[in-house]
Amino acid sequence: GEQAKLTFENIKRALEAEGGTMNDVVELQIFIVDLQKIDPNPAYQAVRDAFPPGFKPVSMVIGVSALAIPELKMEVNVRAAVPLKAKIGKLKRPLLLLSDQP
């Protein structure tokens, strides 16, 4: 529960730093230690609570025996498609846009 909530708060902050929102998330991979031995509902609820009503990205939950940091009980891999227009104003160097259109 609490670790999942903190994880999604950090994801939200990281997206906002790049001009994105939770609505830009397109895929989640959630790794949970010893999934078969715990009640995964608090983690699932944290996922549902992190996104606006009616918006749920593609997601999968994967049970694992351990993570790289033993204290962690879950790890989340997030893929997001942050609109380019959100990033253009924040660039510190020129951006070259390529197009196959004349």
C-alpha atoms as a PDB file:
ATOM      1  CA  GLY A   1       0.000   0.000   0.000  1.00  0.00           C
ATOM      2  CA  GLU A   2       2.290   2.788   1.236  1.00  0.00           C
ATOM      3  CA  GLN A   3       5.250   1.798  -0.957  1.00  0.00           C
ATOM      4  CA  ALA A   4       2.954   1.660  -3.995  1.00  0.00           C
ATOM      5  CA  LYS A   5       1.477   5.080  -3.187  1.00  0.00           C
ATOM      6  CA  LEU A   6       4.950   6.620  -2.837  1.00  0.00           C
ATOM      7  CA  THR A   7       6.066   4.944  -6.074  1.00  0.00           C
ATOM      8  CA  PHE A   8       3.231   6.504  -8.063  1.00  0.00           C
ATOM      9  CA  GLU A   9       3.765   9.924  -6.472  1.00  0.00           C
ATOM     10  CA  ASN A  10       7.390   9.742  -7.658  1.00  0.00           C
ATOM     11  CA  ILE A  11       6.289   8.684 -11.147  1.00  0.00           C
ATOM     12  CA  LYS A  12       3.892  11.635 -11.296  1.00  0.00           C
ATOM     13  CA  ARG A  13       6.677  14.061 -10.255  1.00  0.00           C
ATOM     14  CA  ALA A  14       9.057  12.617 -12.859  1.00  0.00           C
ATOM     15  CA  LEU A  15       6.450  12.995 -15.613  1.00  0.00           C
ATOM     16  CA  GLU A  16       5.635  16.564 -14.580  1.00  0.00           C
ATOM     17  CA  ALA A  17       9.351  17.434 -14.680  1.00  0.00           C
ATOM     18  CA  GLU A  18       9.287  16.466 -18.367  1.00  0.00           C
ATOM     19  CA  GLY A  19       6.043  18.300 -19.153  1.00  0.00           C
ATOM     20  CA  GLY A  20       3.864  15.198 -18.938  1.00  0.00           C
ATOM     21  CA  THR A  21       1.041  13.873 -16.790  1.00  0.00           C
ATOM     22  CA  MET A  22      -0.233  10.495 -15.695  1.00  0.00           C
ATOM     23  CA  ASN A  23      -2.495  10.623 -18.781  1.00  0.00           C
ATOM     24  CA  ASP A  24       0.654  10.206 -20.897  1.00  0.00           C
ATOM     25  CA  VAL A  25       1.441   6.775 -19.410  1.00  0.00           C
ATOM     26  CA  VAL A  26       0.878   4.087 -22.019  1.00  0.00           C
ATOM     27  CA  GLU A  27       2.235   0.993 -20.266  1.00  0.00           C
ATOM     28  CA  LEU A  28       3.045  -0.244 -16.763  1.00  0.00           C
ATOM     29  CA  GLN A  29       4.984  -3.301 -15.683  1.00  0.00           C
ATOM     30  CA  ILE A  30       4.591  -3.901 -11.964  1.00  0.00           C
ATOM     31  CA  PHE A  31       6.974  -6.379 -10.332  1.00  0.00           C
ATOM     32  CA  ILE A  32       5.822  -7.608  -6.905  1.00  0.00           C
ATOM     33  CA  VAL A  33       7.970  -9.759  -4.618  1.00  0.00           C
ATOM     34  CA  ASP A  34       6.345 -13.028  -3.536  1.00  0.00           C
ATOM     35  CA  LEU A  35       3.055 -12.163  -5.207  1.00  0.00           C
ATOM     36  CA  GLN A  36       1.595 -15.566  -4.380  1.00  0.00           C
ATOM     37  CA  LYS A  37       2.207 -14.999  -0.634  1.00  0.00           C
ATOM     38  CA  ILE A  38       0.648 -11.543  -0.233  1.00  0.00           C
ATOM     39  CA  ASP A  39      -2.597  -9.735  -0.814  1.00  0.00           C
ATOM     40  CA  PRO A  40      -1.856  -7.702  -3.978  1.00  0.00           C
ATOM     41  CA  ASN A  41      -5.010  -5.581  -3.609  1.00  0.00           C
ATOM     42  CA  PRO A  42      -3.268  -2.610  -1.910  1.00  0.00           C
ATOM     43  CA  ALA A  43      -0.840  -2.397  -4.864  1.00  0.00           C
ATOM     44  CA  TYR A  44      -3.684  -2.732  -7.384  1.00  0.00           C
ATOM     45  CA  GLN A  45      -5.637  -0.012  -5.561  1.00  0.00           C
ATOM     46  CA  ALA A  46      -2.603   2.303  -5.650  1.00  0.00           C
ATOM     47  CA  VAL A  47      -2.437   1.804  -9.425  1.00  0.00           C
ATOM     48  CA  ARG A  48      -6.144   2.589  -9.825  1.00  0.00           C
ATOM     49  CA  ASP A  49      -5.861   5.647  -7.565  1.00  0.00           C
ATOM     50  CA  ALA A  50      -2.879   7.041  -9.482  1.00  0.00           C
ATOM     51  CA  PHE A  51      -4.857   7.565 -12.682  1.00  0.00           C
ATOM     52  CA  PRO A  52      -7.908   9.676 -13.511  1.00  0.00           C
ATOM     53  CA  PRO A  53     -11.266   7.851 -13.536  1.00  0.00           C
ATOM     54  CA  GLY A  54     -11.826   6.011 -16.790  1.00  0.00           C
ATOM     55  CA  PHE A  55      -8.121   6.111 -17.770  1.00  0.00           C
ATOM     56  CA  LYS A  56      -6.066   2.969 -17.336  1.00  0.00           C
ATOM     57  CA  PRO A  57      -2.888   2.275 -19.312  1.00  0.00           C
ATOM     58  CA  VAL A  58      -1.971  -1.200 -20.487  1.00  0.00           C
ATOM     59  CA  SER A  59      -0.488  -2.959 -17.494  1.00  0.00           C
ATOM     60  CA  MET A  60       0.840  -6.256 -16.277  1.00  0.00           C
ATOM     61  CA  VAL A  61       1.673  -7.538 -12.835  1.00  0.00           C
ATOM     62  CA  ILE A  62       4.634  -9.887 -12.579  1.00  0.00           C
ATOM     63  CA  GLY A  63       5.481 -11.918  -9.485  1.00  0.00           C
ATOM     64  CA  VAL A  64       9.207 -12.135  -8.712  1.00  0.00           C
ATOM     65  CA  SER A  65      11.237 -13.789  -5.953  1.00  0.00           C
ATOM     66  CA  ALA A  66      13.349 -10.677  -5.207  1.00  0.00           C
ATOM     67  CA  LEU A  67      14.369  -7.238  -6.459  1.00  0.00           C
ATOM     68  CA  ALA A  68      17.836  -5.651  -6.649  1.00  0.00           C
ATOM     69  CA  ILE A  69      17.203  -3.725  -3.404  1.00  0.00           C
ATOM     70  CA  PRO A  70      16.021  -6.293  -0.835  1.00  0.00           C
ATOM     71  CA  GLU A  71      13.898  -3.796   1.154  1.00  0.00           C
ATOM     72  CA  LEU A  72      11.709  -3.078  -1.869  1.00  0.00           C
ATOM     73  CA  LYS A  73       8.593  -5.146  -2.316  1.00  0.00           C
ATOM     74  CA  MET A  74       7.566  -3.700  -5.684  1.00  0.00           C
ATOM     75  CA  GLU A  75       9.140  -2.063  -8.707  1.00  0.00           C
ATOM     76  CA  VAL A  76       7.317  -0.290 -11.513  1.00  0.00           C
ATOM     77  CA  ASN A  77       8.526   0.156 -15.087  1.00  0.00           C
ATOM     78  CA  VAL A  78       6.632   2.988 -16.787  1.00  0.00           C
ATOM     79  CA  ARG A  79       6.453   3.923 -20.445  1.00  0.00           C
ATOM     80  CA  ALA A  80       4.962   7.289 -21.269  1.00  0.00           C
ATOM     81  CA  ALA A  81       4.418   9.206 -24.493  1.00  0.00           C
ATOM     82  CA  VAL A  82       4.916  12.830 -23.469  1.00  0.00           C
ATOM     83  CA  PRO A  83       3.749  15.133 -26.260  1.00  0.00           C
ATOM     84  CA  LEU A  84       6.634  16.830 -28.050  1.00  0.00           C
ATOM     85  CA  LYS A  85       4.978  20.233 -27.690  1.00  0.00           C
ATOM     86  CA  ALA A  86       5.276  19.885 -23.914  1.00  0.00           C
ATOM     87  CA  LYS A  87       9.029  19.485 -24.233  1.00  0.00           C
ATOM     88  CA  ILE A  88       9.894  22.109 -26.884  1.00  0.00           C
ATOM     89  CA  GLY A  89       9.602  25.055 -24.491  1.00  0.00           C
ATOM     90  CA  LYS A  90      11.911  23.364 -21.983  1.00  0.00           C
ATOM     91  CA  LEU A  91      14.773  22.506 -24.339  1.00  0.00           C
ATOM     92  CA  LYS A  92      18.144  24.048 -23.594  1.00  0.00           C
ATOM     93  CA  ARG A  93      19.511  23.358 -27.069  1.00  0.00           C
ATOM     94  CA  PRO A  94      18.011  23.521 -30.567  1.00  0.00           C
ATOM     95  CA  LEU A  95      15.721  20.740 -31.661  1.00  0.00           C
ATOM     96  CA  LEU A  96      15.815  19.361 -35.177  1.00  0.00           C
ATOM     97  CA  LEU A  97      12.453  18.038 -36.315  1.00  0.00           C
ATOM     98  CA  LEU A  98      12.597  15.657 -39.224  1.00  0.00           C
ATOM     99  CA  SER A  99       9.636  14.940 -41.463  1.00  0.00           C
ATOM    100  CA  ASP A 100       9.034  12.975 -44.616  1.00  0.00           C
ATOM    101  CA  GLN A 101       6.569  15.669 -45.714  1.00  0.00           C
ATOM    102  CA  PRO A 102       7.802  18.255 -48.239  1.00  0.00           C
END
